Amino acid sequence: MRSWEFFEPEPNPLRLDSLESLEGWRDVVVRRLRERYDDRVGEGTAAGESVGRTDPEHGSLPDVSLRTWYFCLVAGLSGMRERGELRPEADPAALATGIIAAVEGGLLLARAARSVRPMELAFDMALEHVRYFAEPA
């Protein structure tokens, strides 16, 4: 499995436009990492070996995939703001950047630690930042 395949949400890969869909995506990513690596992420991969790589078999997401995820997240978060689900001061581009950075960093740390836990923590912290901007229901 290539690294970016972990990030494909179910069932609508490009519909990340609610807190529920973002949380569901997080659950899919964590579950797939756990299934793939059985809490032993990577096979001897040191953190420094994957920094800056774009090889789909070894490192971070390719640039094209990162841009795709970024624009999907910006679109979804913008829709949330337009519907009043996020406060007007929420910056969809900044939130999308933070989510991508958390997911990529979480994957890097998960591989180095050979544990899914860093991904869980990083993704949860990114989503908590989105929740900060959520309007009360």
Protein backbone atom coordinates (compact mmCIF):
# COMPACT_ATOMS: atom_id res chain seq x y z
CA MET A 1 0.00 0.00 0.00
CA ARG A 2 1.33 3.41 -0.91
CA SER A 3 1.44 6.00 1.84
CA TRP A 4 -1.19 8.31 0.37
CA GLU A 5 -3.72 5.45 0.23
CA PHE A 6 -3.97 5.70 4.02
CA PHE A 7 -5.56 9.10 3.60
CA GLU A 8 -8.45 8.19 1.29
CA PRO A 9 -11.61 8.76 3.32
CA GLU A 10 -14.68 6.58 2.97
CA PRO A 11 -17.08 6.62 1.22
CA ASN A 12 -16.72 10.07 -0.40
CA PRO A 13 -13.00 10.81 -0.80
CA LEU A 14 -13.40 14.47 -1.68
CA ARG A 15 -16.17 15.38 0.74
CA LEU A 16 -14.51 16.66 3.89
CA ASP A 17 -17.03 19.38 4.68
CA SER A 18 -18.18 18.77 8.24
CA LEU A 19 -16.69 17.99 11.61
CA GLU A 20 -18.25 14.54 11.33
CA SER A 21 -16.61 13.85 7.95
CA LEU A 22 -13.23 15.10 9.22
CA GLU A 23 -13.53 12.89 12.31
CA GLY A 24 -14.54 9.94 10.14
CA TRP A 25 -11.53 10.54 7.91
CA ARG A 26 -9.29 10.58 10.98
CA ASP A 27 -10.74 7.25 12.09
CA VAL A 28 -10.14 5.70 8.65
CA VAL A 29 -6.52 6.89 8.56
CA VAL A 30 -5.77 5.58 12.05
CA ARG A 31 -7.53 2.28 11.38
CA ARG A 32 -5.64 1.76 8.12
CA LEU A 33 -2.32 2.51 9.77
CA ARG A 34 -3.14 0.11 12.57
CA GLU A 35 -4.21 -2.62 10.11
CA ARG A 36 -1.21 -2.09 7.87
CA TYR A 37 1.44 -1.94 10.54
CA ASP A 38 -0.22 -3.68 13.46
CA ASP A 39 1.17 -0.97 15.75
CA ARG A 40 4.68 -1.48 14.31
CA VAL A 41 4.70 1.35 11.78
CA GLY A 42 7.50 0.99 9.26
CA GLU A 43 10.21 -1.57 9.01
CA GLY A 44 13.25 0.06 10.53
CA THR A 45 12.52 3.47 9.04
CA ALA A 46 14.23 6.24 10.95
CA ALA A 47 12.54 9.63 10.99
CA GLY A 48 15.42 11.27 9.18
CA GLU A 49 15.22 8.82 6.30
CA SER A 50 11.75 9.93 5.25
CA VAL A 51 12.05 13.68 5.74
CA GLY A 52 11.62 15.46 2.45
CA ARG A 53 10.99 12.33 0.43
CA THR A 54 8.13 12.18 -2.01
CA ASP A 55 8.59 8.54 -2.96
CA PRO A 56 5.13 6.99 -2.45
CA GLU A 57 6.68 3.80 -1.09
CA HIS A 58 8.88 5.45 1.54
CA GLY A 59 8.09 9.00 2.45
CA SER A 60 5.55 11.75 2.55
CA LEU A 61 2.72 12.36 0.16
CA PRO A 62 3.65 13.42 -3.38
CA ASP A 63 3.20 17.10 -4.16
CA VAL A 64 0.21 16.45 -6.43
CA SER A 65 -1.55 14.50 -3.71
CA LEU A 66 -0.76 17.16 -1.11
CA ARG A 67 -2.25 19.85 -3.34
CA THR A 68 -5.34 17.72 -3.93
CA TRP A 69 -5.87 17.18 -0.20
CA TYR A 70 -5.16 20.83 0.51
CA PHE A 71 -7.76 22.07 -1.97
CA CYS A 72 -10.33 19.49 -0.83
CA LEU A 73 -9.85 20.60 2.76
CA VAL A 74 -9.99 24.30 1.87
CA ALA A 75 -13.21 23.73 -0.09
CA GLY A 76 -14.79 21.72 2.72
CA LEU A 77 -13.75 24.14 5.46
CA SER A 78 -14.87 27.11 3.36
CA GLY A 79 -18.27 25.48 2.95
CA MET A 80 -18.47 24.97 6.69
CA ARG A 81 -17.71 28.64 7.25
CA GLU A 82 -20.24 29.74 4.61
CA ARG A 83 -22.94 27.58 6.23
CA GLY A 84 -22.16 29.14 9.60
CA GLU A 85 -20.68 25.96 11.07
CA LEU A 86 -17.36 27.76 11.59
CA ARG A 87 -17.00 31.30 12.89
CA PRO A 88 -16.26 33.97 10.29
CA GLU A 89 -12.69 34.45 11.56
CA ALA A 90 -11.83 30.83 10.74
CA ASP A 91 -9.24 30.75 7.95
CA PRO A 92 -9.91 27.64 5.81
CA ALA A 93 -6.50 27.84 4.13
CA ALA A 94 -4.67 28.01 7.46
CA LEU A 95 -6.77 25.21 8.93
CA ALA A 96 -6.16 23.03 5.85
CA THR A 97 -2.42 23.67 6.09
CA GLY A 98 -2.47 22.71 9.76
CA ILE A 99 -4.37 19.49 9.10
CA ILE A 100 -2.01 18.46 6.28
CA ALA A 101 1.02 19.28 8.44
CA ALA A 102 -0.40 17.30 11.35
CA VAL A 103 -1.19 14.27 9.21
CA GLU A 104 2.19 14.30 7.47
CA GLY A 105 4.03 14.90 10.74
CA GLY A 106 1.93 12.24 12.45
CA LEU A 107 2.89 9.73 9.77
CA LEU A 108 6.55 10.62 10.05
CA LEU A 109 6.52 10.26 13.84
CA ALA A 110 4.43 7.09 13.68
CA ARG A 111 7.02 5.50 11.43
CA ALA A 112 9.88 6.61 13.66
CA ALA A 113 8.12 5.41 16.82
CA ARG A 114 6.69 2.32 15.15
CA SER A 115 3.39 3.20 16.76
CA VAL A 116 0.09 4.60 15.51
CA ARG A 117 -0.19 6.82 18.60
CA PRO A 118 1.68 9.84 17.15
CA MET A 119 -0.75 9.90 14.22
CA GLU A 120 -3.72 9.75 16.57
CA LEU A 121 -2.38 12.61 18.66
CA ALA A 122 -1.42 14.83 15.73
CA PHE A 123 -4.70 14.32 13.88
CA ASP A 124 -6.74 14.85 17.07
CA MET A 125 -4.91 18.09 17.84
CA ALA A 126 -5.52 19.39 14.31
CA LEU A 127 -9.22 18.58 14.53
CA GLU A 128 -9.42 20.17 17.97
CA HIS A 129 -8.15 23.39 16.39
CA VAL A 130 -10.95 23.18 13.80
CA ARG A 131 -13.46 22.58 16.64
CA TYR A 132 -12.18 25.75 18.30
CA PHE A 133 -13.69 27.71 15.42
CA ALA A 134 -16.96 25.76 15.37
CA GLU A 135 -20.15 27.64 16.10
CA PRO A 136 -22.22 26.15 18.91
CA ALA A 137 -25.01 23.95 17.56
